[in-house]
Amino acid sequence: QEKHRVAKVEWEAKQVLEAEQTPAMERSLAPETEQTLAMEPSLAPEEDSKFSRGDMQAVTTKLAALWKLVAAEELEECKVEAARLKVDYDVQKAAFGPETMKRSKKGKGAKRQILVAASGEKPKRARTAYLIFCDRNREQVMREVHSDPTSKFKREEMQAVTTRLAELWTNVVPQELAECKLAAVLCKEEFQKQKDVYVPPVYQPVTKGKKSKGGRREGDKPKRPRTAYLLFAEDCRRGLKKTDPALSFTATSQMVSKEWKELAEAKKVQYQRTAEKEQEKHRVAKVEWEAKQVLEAEQTPAMERSLAPETEQTLAMEPSLAPEEDSKFSRGDMQAVTTKLAALWKLVAAEELEECKVEAARLKVDYDVQKAAFGPETMKRSKKGKGAKRQILVAASGEKPKRARTAYLIFCDRNREQVMREVHSDPTSKFKREEMQAVTTRLAELWTNVVPQELAECKLAAVLCKEEFQKQKDVYVPPVYQPVTKGKKSKGGRREGDKPKRPRTAYLLFAEDCRRGLKKTDPALSFTATSQMVSKEWKELAEAKKVQYQRTAEKEQEKHRVA
């Protein structure tokens, strides 16, 4: 392969040299090349003709062959035209600025923040002649595939519809083809008009995190610790590279993985211990690094903690986040607000930080006073066991108020019955899970496009609900629950009251004997590794031995019943 690369480079250089030395007029095509590059009747652009995929590939191949044999004069013209188009592109790019250029997504489905909102509605792509033809004939084809075109189609049925439409398009009559092409031209003109009016949004610039030469991130943040497998892989790779330096990375990785699976448990334990030490060092280094960051932030004067230009631009309040009348914040807007608040908190001034600390201390004192008024036994505790109920010492005064309905829930209550009728003919019958999901999705779509008048009514109703809830909450006195006490264990390993321990099973008795032997053989074995080996030996144990352990376990159970 290496010899072939060298020979190919030399041959290509020779071909270029010969082409430069040959005059432009003498660069005529060979007879067989002329015959190959000649335009066949099948590629001649006739009226109402359609190019197949194979025809387009043939055209591309011929253009590539002609490009290799292009005359010097025509080559210069193409270069000049390319340079002119490059200049036009640079002028248009400079008008927008580098921060407004759209970049590729960072991560799967990543969304970037919009700095300047779009002007007008983004136009949809123009329909082609083929898509217009499909729109016209789809319902008819769906009736052929399925008797009821309004019902839900399976994946195979939709594929059959698509295939049938493609077959019809291949044999379309000239008159219908001309109509579809005319409609496509009109669609394209309409799309072009909308595109000329539409101004796209300006996105936030994407900046990649830089790494220093030492392999650590900015701020000298310590690297993550290596796992036991990575430590083994480093040692193993060195040996493999010495044995065969030509091994590829993929082949080496496969061999390392195989050797790790076959490695003795005692060796794995050594690597695991080294990994644990690295993790401990990493924890210490990380704590020191975080303390250093805090110290530097405290030592920096408040006036010097100014935001960088790009940070100021990022943290600026966009028009989309401005609280307007009847405006609704989307989930993305709320995430953007949270991110900005976190960034501002890192750069908070010392004076403002002290004010926040004083306010937090004041709120803590208020909470402690309220907590002391109730007493420790009345504070609500978490459930002890699944669904456990605690005894009520003092009953509640009045009925516990339900949470106030939001504007969205009120809107759903108003429109749910109508949507249920759309999904199901009989809304009083039992709905399936998929049907209920369809109802919920439809209500969410209606809420997104709700008219301002109805939105205002729902918001007003929500405010009244909230006031009513607050009144009920002020009157209501919650119940006083019995305090929860945890059972303490004595030094002998039994609970209070000297309650006997549960008896051991046959497997536990065997495990105790087996563990002693394994610990003597290899004291460095971990608990997990020992458990795996005990389980394996128990499965392979003879039935007679198992019966002995089962008899001992039955005796223990009998003693436990008596105790």
Protein backbone atom coordinates (compact mmCIF):
# COMPACT_ATOMS: atom_id res chain seq x y z
CA GLN A 1 0.00 0.00 0.00
CA GLU A 2 2.83 2.40 0.86
CA LYS A 3 4.58 1.67 -2.47
CA HIS A 4 1.28 2.16 -4.31
CA ARG A 5 0.74 5.58 -2.67
CA VAL A 6 4.23 6.76 -3.74
CA ALA A 7 3.77 5.41 -7.28
CA LYS A 8 0.32 7.04 -7.59
CA VAL A 9 1.62 10.45 -6.44
CA GLU A 10 4.48 10.24 -8.97
CA TRP A 11 2.07 9.24 -11.74
CA GLU A 12 -0.36 12.08 -10.96
CA ALA A 13 2.51 14.60 -10.92
CA LYS A 14 3.67 13.27 -14.32
CA GLN A 15 0.12 13.62 -15.73
CA VAL A 16 -0.15 17.24 -14.53
CA LEU A 17 3.29 18.05 -16.01
CA GLU A 18 2.35 16.60 -19.40
CA ALA A 19 -0.98 18.46 -19.37
CA GLU A 20 0.79 21.79 -18.70
CA GLN A 21 3.32 21.20 -21.49
CA THR A 22 0.60 20.27 -24.05
CA PRO A 23 -0.92 23.37 -25.81
CA ALA A 24 -4.60 24.02 -25.16
CA MET A 25 -5.60 23.45 -28.80
CA GLU A 26 -3.88 20.03 -28.87
CA ARG A 27 -5.87 18.80 -25.82
CA SER A 28 -8.45 16.97 -27.93
CA LEU A 29 -10.37 14.02 -26.57
CA ALA A 30 -9.49 10.48 -27.64
CA PRO A 31 -12.06 8.82 -29.97
CA GLU A 32 -13.20 6.36 -27.26
CA THR A 33 -13.42 9.25 -24.70
CA GLU A 34 -15.47 11.32 -27.15
CA GLN A 35 -17.76 8.34 -27.63
CA THR A 36 -18.09 7.93 -23.83
CA LEU A 37 -18.69 11.61 -23.15
CA ALA A 38 -21.13 12.12 -26.03
CA MET A 39 -24.61 13.13 -24.95
CA GLU A 40 -26.89 10.13 -25.50
CA PRO A 41 -30.48 10.59 -26.68
CA SER A 42 -31.63 9.44 -23.19
CA LEU A 43 -29.90 12.47 -21.62
CA ALA A 44 -31.19 15.00 -24.16
CA PRO A 45 -33.46 17.52 -22.37
CA GLU A 46 -36.80 17.04 -24.11
CA GLU A 47 -40.13 18.56 -23.17
CA ASP A 48 -41.77 16.89 -20.13
CA SER A 49 -38.79 14.50 -19.71
CA LYS A 50 -37.65 13.30 -16.26
CA PHE A 51 -34.05 12.41 -15.36
CA SER A 52 -33.64 9.16 -13.45
CA ARG A 53 -31.03 8.68 -10.71
CA GLY A 54 -28.81 6.70 -13.09
CA ASP A 55 -28.97 9.49 -15.72
CA MET A 56 -27.91 12.07 -13.10
CA GLN A 57 -24.98 9.87 -12.02
CA ALA A 58 -23.91 9.52 -15.68
CA VAL A 59 -24.03 13.33 -16.13
CA THR A 60 -21.92 13.85 -12.96
CA THR A 61 -19.33 11.28 -14.13
CA LYS A 62 -19.02 12.95 -17.55
CA LEU A 63 -18.67 16.42 -16.02
CA ALA A 64 -15.85 15.11 -13.79
CA ALA A 65 -14.09 13.63 -16.85
CA LEU A 66 -14.44 16.91 -18.79
CA TRP A 67 -13.06 18.85 -15.79
CA LYS A 68 -9.84 16.80 -15.90
CA LEU A 69 -9.37 17.79 -19.59
CA VAL A 70 -10.54 21.41 -19.32
CA ALA A 71 -8.72 24.01 -21.45
CA ALA A 72 -6.46 26.56 -19.69
CA GLU A 73 -8.57 29.53 -20.90
CA GLU A 74 -11.85 28.06 -19.57
CA LEU A 75 -10.12 27.08 -16.30
CA GLU A 76 -9.05 30.71 -15.75
CA GLU A 77 -12.62 31.93 -16.40
CA CYS A 78 -13.98 29.46 -13.80
CA LYS A 79 -11.37 30.59 -11.24
CA VAL A 80 -12.28 34.27 -11.78
CA GLU A 81 -16.00 33.49 -11.34
CA ALA A 82 -15.24 31.49 -8.15
CA ALA A 83 -13.18 34.40 -6.74
CA ARG A 84 -16.05 36.82 -7.48
CA LEU A 85 -18.59 34.60 -5.71
CA LYS A 86 -16.19 34.28 -2.72
CA VAL A 87 -15.99 38.09 -2.43
CA ASP A 88 -19.82 38.37 -2.54
CA TYR A 89 -20.10 35.74 0.22
CA ASP A 90 -17.53 37.53 2.44
CA VAL A 91 -19.41 40.85 2.03
CA GLN A 92 -22.73 39.22 3.07
CA LYS A 93 -21.02 37.43 5.98
CA ALA A 94 -19.45 40.69 7.27
CA ALA A 95 -22.89 42.36 7.25
CA PHE A 96 -24.21 39.81 9.78
CA GLY A 97 -21.12 39.64 12.01
CA PRO A 98 -19.33 36.51 13.26
CA GLU A 99 -21.56 36.06 16.33
CA THR A 100 -24.75 35.82 14.24
CA MET A 101 -23.55 33.04 11.91
CA LYS A 102 -25.48 29.82 12.52
CA ARG A 103 -23.34 26.98 13.85
CA SER A 104 -23.92 23.24 13.96
CA LYS A 105 -25.70 21.71 16.97
CA LYS A 106 -23.54 20.95 20.01
CA GLY A 107 -24.82 17.60 21.24
CA LYS A 108 -27.95 15.74 20.23
CA GLY A 109 -30.89 18.11 19.75
CA ALA A 110 -29.00 21.04 21.35
CA LYS A 111 -30.81 24.40 21.17
CA ARG A 112 -28.95 27.69 21.09
CA GLN A 113 -30.18 30.88 22.63
CA ILE A 114 -31.70 33.51 20.31
CA LEU A 115 -30.19 36.97 20.74
CA VAL A 116 -32.46 38.76 18.23
CA ALA A 117 -35.87 37.30 17.39
CA ALA A 118 -36.86 36.54 13.79
CA SER A 119 -38.92 39.06 11.80
CA GLY A 120 -42.02 37.40 10.36
CA GLU A 121 -42.89 33.72 10.04
CA LYS A 122 -40.28 31.34 8.63
CA PRO A 123 -41.46 30.19 5.17
CA LYS A 124 -41.91 26.49 4.49
CA ARG A 125 -40.00 24.93 1.62
CA ALA A 126 -41.79 25.04 -1.73
CA ARG A 127 -43.63 21.88 -2.79
CA THR A 128 -42.08 20.06 -5.74
CA ALA A 129 -44.08 18.66 -8.67
CA TYR A 130 -43.78 15.15 -7.21
CA LEU A 131 -45.07 16.20 -3.77
CA ILE A 132 -48.03 18.04 -5.36
CA PHE A 133 -48.82 14.91 -7.38
CA CYS A 134 -48.68 12.82 -4.15
CA ASP A 135 -51.05 15.27 -2.37
CA ARG A 136 -53.56 14.88 -5.22
CA ASN A 137 -53.50 11.07 -5.37
CA ARG A 138 -52.71 10.05 -1.77
CA GLU A 139 -56.32 9.65 -0.57
CA GLN A 140 -57.23 7.47 -3.59
CA VAL A 141 -54.17 5.23 -3.03
CA MET A 142 -54.92 4.98 0.70
CA ARG A 143 -58.41 3.70 -0.15
CA GLU A 144 -56.81 1.02 -2.36
CA VAL A 145 -54.47 -0.09 0.46
CA HIS A 146 -57.01 0.23 3.31
CA SER A 147 -60.83 0.25 3.17
CA ASP A 148 -61.07 3.04 5.81
CA PRO A 149 -58.50 5.82 5.10
CA THR A 150 -59.51 7.71 8.28
CA SER A 151 -58.32 4.86 10.55
CA LYS A 152 -54.76 4.51 11.84
CA PHE A 153 -52.37 3.05 9.24
CA LYS A 154 -49.61 0.59 10.11
CA ARG A 155 -46.01 1.18 9.11
CA GLU A 156 -46.17 -1.49 6.33
CA GLU A 157 -49.38 0.06 4.92
CA MET A 158 -47.79 3.54 4.76
CA GLN A 159 -44.77 2.06 2.97
CA ALA A 160 -47.15 0.42 0.48
CA VAL A 161 -48.87 3.80 -0.13
CA THR A 162 -45.50 5.51 -0.75
CA THR A 163 -44.38 2.76 -3.14
CA ARG A 164 -47.66 2.91 -5.08
CA LEU A 165 -47.42 6.72 -5.44
CA ALA A 166 -43.86 6.37 -6.78
CA GLU A 167 -45.08 3.83 -9.38
CA LEU A 168 -47.92 6.15 -10.48
CA TRP A 169 -45.47 9.06 -10.79
CA THR A 170 -43.24 6.98 -13.09
CA ASN A 171 -46.19 6.42 -15.48
CA VAL A 172 -47.86 9.84 -15.08
CA VAL A 173 -49.65 11.25 -18.15
CA PRO A 174 -48.06 14.39 -19.75
CA GLN A 175 -51.11 16.61 -19.05
CA GLU A 176 -51.10 15.91 -15.29
CA LEU A 177 -47.30 16.26 -15.21
CA ALA A 178 -47.56 19.72 -16.80
CA GLU A 179 -50.21 20.77 -14.23
CA CYS A 180 -48.02 19.60 -11.31
CA LYS A 181 -44.98 21.40 -12.72
CA LEU A 182 -46.98 24.63 -13.14
CA ALA A 183 -48.26 24.39 -9.55
CA ALA A 184 -44.66 23.76 -8.36
CA VAL A 185 -43.45 26.91 -10.17
CA LEU A 186 -46.19 28.99 -8.50
CA CYS A 187 -45.29 27.49 -5.10
CA LYS A 188 -41.63 28.35 -5.65
CA GLU A 189 -42.47 31.98 -6.54
CA GLU A 190 -44.64 32.29 -3.41
CA PHE A 191 -41.84 30.77 -1.29
CA GLN A 192 -39.31 33.24 -2.78
CA LYS A 193 -41.56 36.22 -1.91
CA GLN A 194 -41.91 35.01 1.71
CA LYS A 195 -38.18 34.31 1.91
CA ASP A 196 -37.32 37.88 0.76
CA VAL A 197 -39.51 39.36 3.53
CA TYR A 198 -38.38 36.97 6.31
CA VAL A 199 -35.40 37.96 8.48
CA PRO A 200 -33.88 34.96 10.32
CA PRO A 201 -33.08 35.10 14.08
CA VAL A 202 -29.62 35.91 15.43
CA TYR A 203 -28.24 33.04 17.53
CA GLN A 204 -25.88 33.10 20.50
CA PRO A 205 -22.27 32.26 19.45
CA VAL A 206 -20.98 28.77 20.34
CA THR A 207 -17.66 28.76 22.22
CA LYS A 208 -15.67 25.61 22.86
CA GLY A 209 -13.96 25.03 26.20
CA LYS A 210 -10.15 25.35 25.92
CA LYS A 211 -7.67 22.97 27.52
CA SER A 212 -4.22 23.87 28.75
CA LYS A 213 -1.03 22.03 27.68
CA GLY A 214 -0.97 20.06 30.93
CA GLY A 215 -4.16 18.25 29.89
CA ARG A 216 -6.34 20.07 32.47
CA ARG A 217 -9.15 22.51 31.88
CA GLU A 218 -8.97 26.25 32.50
CA GLY A 219 -8.47 27.08 36.16
CA ASP A 220 -6.18 24.03 36.58
CA LYS A 221 -9.17 21.83 37.45
CA PRO A 222 -7.93 18.30 38.30
CA LYS A 223 -8.62 15.48 35.83
CA ARG A 224 -11.10 12.75 36.64
CA PRO A 225 -9.53 9.68 38.30
CA ARG A 226 -8.86 6.53 36.27
CA THR A 227 -10.89 3.37 36.84
CA ALA A 228 -9.39 -0.06 37.55
CA TYR A 229 -9.94 -1.07 33.92
CA LEU A 230 -8.14 2.03 32.56
CA LEU A 231 -5.14 1.39 34.82
CA PHE A 232 -4.96 -2.23 33.60
CA ALA A 233 -5.39 -1.09 29.97
CA GLU A 234 -2.39 1.29 30.23
CA ASP A 235 -0.13 -1.50 31.52
CA CYS A 236 -1.44 -3.99 28.97
CA ARG A 237 -1.06 -1.61 26.00
CA ARG A 238 2.62 -1.03 26.77
CA GLY A 239 3.31 -4.78 26.63
CA LEU A 240 1.30 -5.23 23.42
CA LYS A 241 3.05 -2.30 21.70
CA LYS A 242 6.47 -3.77 22.58
CA THR A 243 5.44 -7.16 21.18
CA ASP A 244 3.87 -5.78 17.95
CA PRO A 245 4.29 -2.00 17.30
CA ALA A 246 2.12 -2.23 14.12
CA LEU A 247 -1.06 -3.14 16.06
CA SER A 248 -3.98 -0.76 15.44
CA PHE A 249 -5.84 0.96 18.26
CA THR A 250 -9.02 -1.11 17.64
CA ALA A 251 -7.14 -4.42 17.69
CA THR A 252 -5.29 -3.42 20.87
CA SER A 253 -8.57 -2.43 22.58
CA GLN A 254 -10.14 -5.79 21.72
CA MET A 255 -7.14 -7.69 23.10
CA VAL A 256 -7.08 -5.58 26.29
CA SER A 257 -10.81 -6.22 26.84
CA LYS A 258 -10.32 -9.98 26.37
CA GLU A 259 -7.37 -10.11 28.79
CA TRP A 260 -9.29 -8.10 31.41
CA LYS A 261 -12.15 -10.63 31.31
CA GLU A 262 -9.68 -13.51 31.78
CA LEU A 263 -7.69 -11.72 34.53
CA ALA A 264 -7.58 -13.38 37.97
CA GLU A 265 -9.76 -11.84 40.67
CA ALA A 266 -6.76 -11.16 42.94
CA LYS A 267 -5.07 -9.09 40.20
CA LYS A 268 -8.29 -7.14 39.61
CA VAL A 269 -8.44 -6.32 43.32
CA GLN A 270 -4.95 -4.74 43.11
CA TYR A 271 -6.06 -2.45 40.29
CA GLN A 272 -9.26 -1.61 42.16
CA ARG A 273 -7.25 -0.55 45.21
CA THR A 274 -4.99 1.66 43.09
CA ALA A 275 -8.11 3.20 41.50
CA GLU A 276 -9.58 3.89 44.95
CA LYS A 277 -6.37 5.66 45.99
CA GLU A 278 -6.56 7.80 42.83
CA GLN A 279 -10.18 8.64 43.59
CA GLU A 280 -9.24 9.72 47.11
CA LYS A 281 -6.42 11.92 45.76
CA HIS A 282 -8.85 13.39 43.21
CA ARG A 283 -11.37 14.24 45.96
CA VAL A 284 -8.67 16.07 47.96
CA ALA A 285 -7.35 17.88 44.86
CA LYS A 286 -10.88 18.89 43.83
CA VAL A 287 -11.68 20.27 47.30
CA GLU A 288 -8.40 22.26 47.27
CA TRP A 289 -9.14 23.55 43.76
CA GLU A 290 -12.68 24.65 44.74
CA ALA A 291 -11.35 26.35 47.88
CA LYS A 292 -8.74 28.13 45.75
CA GLN A 293 -11.46 29.33 43.35
CA VAL A 294 -13.55 30.71 46.24
CA LEU A 295 -10.47 32.40 47.77
CA GLU A 296 -9.59 34.06 44.46
CA ALA A 297 -13.20 35.23 44.04
CA GLU A 298 -13.21 36.76 47.56
CA GLN A 299 -9.83 38.47 47.06
CA THR A 300 -10.94 40.03 43.75
CA PRO A 301 -12.44 43.52 44.36
CA ALA A 302 -16.15 43.83 43.55
CA MET A 303 -15.54 46.54 40.90
CA GLU A 304 -13.00 44.33 39.07
CA ARG A 305 -15.50 41.47 38.70
CA SER A 306 -16.86 42.79 35.43
CA LEU A 307 -18.38 40.46 32.89
CA ALA A 308 -16.55 39.67 29.67
CA PRO A 309 -18.15 41.17 26.49
CA GLU A 310 -19.45 37.78 25.32
CA THR A 311 -20.78 37.04 28.87
CA GLU A 312 -22.57 40.41 28.96
CA GLN A 313 -24.11 39.60 25.60
CA THR A 314 -25.19 36.16 26.84
CA LEU A 315 -26.61 37.47 30.13
CA ALA A 316 -28.46 40.38 28.54
CA MET A 317 -32.25 40.17 28.86
CA GLU A 318 -33.61 39.29 25.43
CA PRO A 319 -36.94 40.53 24.14
CA SER A 320 -38.24 36.93 24.42
CA LEU A 321 -37.66 37.02 28.22
CA ALA A 322 -39.23 40.44 28.82
CA PRO A 323 -42.35 40.05 31.01
CA GLU A 324 -45.17 41.36 28.79
CA GLU A 325 -48.88 41.41 29.51
CA ASP A 326 -50.52 37.94 29.05
CA SER A 327 -47.11 36.44 28.12
CA LYS A 328 -46.29 32.80 28.94
CA PHE A 329 -42.75 31.64 29.76
CA SER A 330 -41.75 28.44 27.97
CA ARG A 331 -39.59 25.76 29.58
CA GLY A 332 -36.58 26.93 27.50
CA ASP A 333 -37.06 30.55 28.72
CA MET A 334 -37.11 29.40 32.36
CA GLN A 335 -33.94 27.34 31.82
CA ALA A 336 -32.25 30.38 30.26
CA VAL A 337 -33.24 32.54 33.26
CA THR A 338 -31.87 29.91 35.70
CA THR A 339 -28.58 29.66 33.79
CA LYS A 340 -28.12 33.45 33.83
CA LEU A 341 -28.90 33.70 37.54
CA ALA A 342 -26.27 31.00 38.24
CA ALA A 343 -23.70 32.90 36.13
CA LEU A 344 -24.50 36.20 37.94
CA TRP A 345 -24.21 34.44 41.34
CA LYS A 346 -20.62 33.41 40.53
CA LEU A 347 -19.76 37.08 39.83
CA VAL A 348 -21.78 38.65 42.65
CA ALA A 349 -20.26 41.68 44.38
CA ALA A 350 -19.04 41.30 48.00
CA GLU A 351 -21.54 43.90 49.32
CA GLU A 352 -24.54 42.18 47.68
CA LEU A 353 -23.28 38.77 48.90
CA GLU A 354 -23.26 40.02 52.51
CA GLU A 355 -26.83 41.36 52.14
CA CYS A 356 -27.99 37.95 50.86
CA LYS A 357 -26.27 36.18 53.77
CA VAL A 358 -27.96 38.50 56.32
CA GLU A 359 -31.37 37.90 54.69
CA ALA A 360 -30.79 34.12 54.73
CA ALA A 361 -29.84 34.24 58.44
CA ARG A 362 -33.01 36.25 59.22
CA LEU A 363 -35.22 33.72 57.40
CA LYS A 364 -33.49 30.86 59.27
CA VAL A 365 -34.31 32.53 62.63
CA ASP A 366 -37.98 32.95 61.58
CA TYR A 367 -38.14 29.26 60.61
CA ASP A 368 -36.63 28.15 63.94
CA VAL A 369 -39.17 30.29 65.88
CA GLN A 370 -42.10 28.74 63.95
CA LYS A 371 -40.64 25.23 64.42
CA ALA A 372 -40.29 25.77 68.20
CA ALA A 373 -43.95 26.92 68.42
CA PHE A 374 -45.13 23.54 67.06
CA GLY A 375 -42.72 21.41 69.10
CA PRO A 376 -40.58 18.54 67.84
CA GLU A 377 -43.30 15.89 68.27
CA THR A 378 -45.72 17.71 65.93
CA MET A 379 -43.28 18.07 63.00
CA LYS A 380 -44.32 15.87 60.09
CA ARG A 381 -41.97 12.94 59.44
CA SER A 382 -41.50 10.66 56.48
CA LYS A 383 -43.43 7.39 56.29
CA LYS A 384 -41.94 4.39 58.10
CA GLY A 385 -42.46 1.49 55.73
CA LYS A 386 -44.64 1.37 52.62
CA GLY A 387 -47.92 3.25 53.20
CA ALA A 388 -47.41 3.42 56.99
CA LYS A 389 -49.93 5.62 58.85
CA ARG A 390 -49.06 7.55 62.01
CA GLN A 391 -51.41 8.09 64.92
CA ILE A 392 -53.06 11.54 65.11
CA LEU A 393 -52.80 13.09 68.60
CA VAL A 394 -54.88 16.24 67.86
CA ALA A 395 -57.42 16.21 65.00
CA ALA A 396 -57.35 18.85 62.27
CA SER A 397 -59.60 21.89 62.54
CA GLY A 398 -61.71 22.24 59.39
CA GLU A 399 -61.29 20.55 55.99
CA LYS A 400 -57.87 20.52 54.36
CA PRO A 401 -58.00 22.92 51.35
CA LYS A 402 -57.18 21.61 47.88
CA ARG A 403 -54.46 23.29 45.85
CA ALA A 404 -55.64 26.24 43.73
CA ARG A 405 -56.34 25.52 40.04
CA THR A 406 -53.93 27.18 37.59
CA ALA A 407 -55.04 28.99 34.40
CA TYR A 408 -54.01 25.96 32.31
CA LEU A 409 -56.03 23.50 34.43
CA ILE A 410 -59.10 25.75 34.27
CA PHE A 411 -58.71 25.90 30.46
CA CYS A 412 -58.48 22.07 30.38
CA ASP A 413 -61.64 21.70 32.51
CA ARG A 414 -63.54 23.93 30.06
CA ASN A 415 -62.42 22.14 26.87
CA ARG A 416 -61.86 18.52 28.03
CA GLU A 417 -65.35 17.23 27.19
CA GLN A 418 -65.24 18.69 23.67
CA VAL A 419 -61.78 17.18 23.00
CA MET A 420 -62.91 13.81 24.42
CA ARG A 421 -65.79 13.81 21.91
CA GLU A 422 -63.26 14.39 19.09
CA VAL A 423 -61.12 11.46 20.25
CA HIS A 424 -64.00 9.11 21.17
CA SER A 425 -67.65 9.14 20.00
CA ASP A 426 -68.93 8.25 23.50
CA PRO A 427 -67.10 10.36 26.17
CA THR A 428 -68.96 8.56 29.00
CA SER A 429 -67.35 5.18 28.13
CA LYS A 430 -64.01 4.01 29.53
CA PHE A 431 -61.02 5.56 27.75
CA LYS A 432 -57.85 3.63 26.94
CA ARG A 433 -54.43 4.89 27.97
CA GLU A 434 -53.53 5.95 24.38
CA GLU A 435 -56.83 7.84 24.03
CA MET A 436 -56.22 9.75 27.28
CA GLN A 437 -52.72 10.65 26.07
CA ALA A 438 -54.25 11.91 22.81
CA VAL A 439 -56.71 14.08 24.82
CA THR A 440 -53.87 15.55 26.93
CA THR A 441 -51.74 16.27 23.83
CA ARG A 442 -54.68 17.94 22.07
CA LEU A 443 -55.44 20.15 25.10
CA ALA A 444 -51.77 21.22 25.24
CA GLU A 445 -51.92 22.18 21.52
CA LEU A 446 -55.10 24.20 22.06
CA TRP A 447 -53.49 25.96 25.06
CA THR A 448 -50.49 26.96 22.93
CA ASN A 449 -52.81 28.67 20.40
CA VAL A 450 -55.37 30.00 22.91
CA VAL A 451 -57.03 33.33 22.02
CA PRO A 452 -56.13 36.32 24.29
CA GLN A 453 -59.73 36.76 25.53
CA GLU A 454 -60.05 33.18 26.77
CA LEU A 455 -56.53 33.34 28.26
CA ALA A 456 -57.49 36.46 30.24
CA GLU A 457 -60.67 34.71 31.53
CA CYS A 458 -58.69 31.65 32.66
CA LYS A 459 -56.07 33.82 34.39
CA LEU A 460 -58.80 35.78 36.21
CA ALA A 461 -60.46 32.54 37.35
CA ALA A 462 -57.05 31.25 38.55
CA VAL A 463 -56.51 34.43 40.63
CA LEU A 464 -59.95 34.00 42.28
CA CYS A 465 -59.16 30.31 42.97
CA LYS A 466 -55.87 31.29 44.58
CA GLU A 467 -57.57 33.87 46.84
CA GLU A 468 -60.18 31.29 47.92
CA PHE A 469 -57.42 28.74 48.63
CA GLN A 470 -55.51 31.29 50.74
CA LYS A 471 -58.62 32.03 52.82
CA GLN A 472 -59.22 28.31 53.48
CA LYS A 473 -55.52 27.80 54.28
CA ASP A 474 -55.57 30.62 56.90
CA VAL A 475 -58.55 29.02 58.70
CA TYR A 476 -57.31 25.41 58.49
CA VAL A 477 -55.23 23.99 61.39
CA PRO A 478 -53.32 20.80 60.47
CA PRO A 479 -53.43 17.70 62.73
CA VAL A 480 -50.74 16.89 65.32
CA TYR A 481 -49.12 13.50 64.62
CA GLN A 482 -47.60 10.99 67.05
CA PRO A 483 -43.77 11.32 67.09
CA VAL A 484 -41.83 8.60 65.25
CA THR A 485 -39.09 6.88 67.28
CA LYS A 486 -36.51 4.58 65.73
CA GLY A 487 -35.83 1.22 67.38
CA LYS A 488 -32.34 1.10 68.94
CA LYS A 489 -30.11 -1.97 68.83
CA SER A 490 -28.24 -3.27 71.87
CA LYS A 491 -24.55 -4.28 71.77
CA GLY A 492 -25.52 -7.94 71.54
CA GLY A 493 -27.02 -7.30 68.09
CA ARG A 494 -30.67 -7.62 69.24
CA ARG A 495 -33.37 -4.98 69.42
CA GLU A 496 -34.76 -3.47 72.62
CA GLY A 497 -36.78 -6.00 74.58
CA ASP A 498 -34.17 -8.70 73.78
CA LYS A 499 -36.14 -9.85 70.71
CA PRO A 500 -34.44 -12.93 69.15
CA LYS A 501 -32.76 -12.65 65.77
CA ARG A 502 -34.26 -14.27 62.71
CA PRO A 503 -32.94 -17.79 62.00
CA ARG A 504 -30.36 -18.35 59.25
CA THR A 505 -31.24 -20.14 56.02
CA ALA A 506 -29.32 -23.12 54.61
CA TYR A 507 -27.58 -20.82 52.12
CA LEU A 508 -26.44 -18.40 54.85
CA LEU A 509 -25.01 -21.23 56.92
CA PHE A 510 -23.08 -22.48 53.88
CA ALA A 511 -21.93 -18.92 53.04
CA GLU A 512 -20.42 -18.43 56.53
CA ASP A 513 -18.37 -21.65 56.23
CA CYS A 514 -17.33 -20.86 52.65
CA ARG A 515 -16.28 -17.27 53.43
CA ARG A 516 -13.91 -18.40 56.18
CA GLY A 517 -12.09 -20.70 53.74
CA LEU A 518 -11.89 -18.03 51.03
CA LYS A 519 -10.57 -15.39 53.47
CA LYS A 520 -7.81 -17.73 54.58
CA THR A 521 -6.85 -18.46 50.97
CA ASP A 522 -6.90 -14.79 49.81
CA PRO A 523 -7.44 -12.11 52.51
CA ALA A 524 -7.46 -9.33 49.83
CA LEU A 525 -10.73 -10.57 48.25
CA SER A 526 -13.51 -7.97 48.20
CA PHE A 527 -17.01 -8.64 49.59
CA THR A 528 -18.56 -8.61 46.10
CA ALA A 529 -16.01 -11.06 44.68
CA THR A 530 -16.45 -13.37 47.69
CA SER A 531 -20.26 -13.31 47.32
CA GLN A 532 -19.99 -14.25 43.64
CA MET A 533 -17.68 -17.16 44.40
CA VAL A 534 -19.92 -18.37 47.28
CA SER A 535 -22.98 -18.26 44.98
CA LYS A 536 -21.13 -20.25 42.30
CA GLU A 537 -19.97 -22.91 44.80
CA TRP A 538 -23.48 -23.22 46.25
CA LYS A 539 -24.90 -23.98 42.77
CA GLU A 540 -22.23 -26.65 42.21
CA LEU A 541 -22.63 -28.16 45.72
CA ALA A 542 -23.75 -31.81 45.92
CA GLU A 543 -27.36 -32.40 46.94
CA ALA A 544 -26.32 -34.47 50.00
CA LYS A 545 -24.29 -31.55 51.38
CA LYS A 546 -27.21 -29.16 50.79
CA VAL A 547 -29.51 -31.47 52.77
CA GLN A 548 -27.14 -31.24 55.79
CA TYR A 549 -27.30 -27.43 55.75
CA GLN A 550 -31.09 -27.53 55.34
CA ARG A 551 -31.45 -29.77 58.44
CA THR A 552 -29.27 -27.39 60.50
CA ALA A 553 -31.41 -24.46 59.27
CA GLU A 554 -34.64 -26.29 60.31
CA LYS A 555 -33.23 -26.83 63.82
CA GLU A 556 -32.42 -23.08 64.07
CA GLN A 557 -35.96 -22.23 62.90
CA GLU A 558 -37.45 -24.50 65.59
CA LYS A 559 -35.30 -22.84 68.29
CA HIS A 560 -36.36 -19.41 66.98
CA ARG A 561 -40.05 -20.33 67.22
CA VAL A 562 -39.60 -21.43 70.86
CA ALA A 563 -37.56 -18.29 71.74
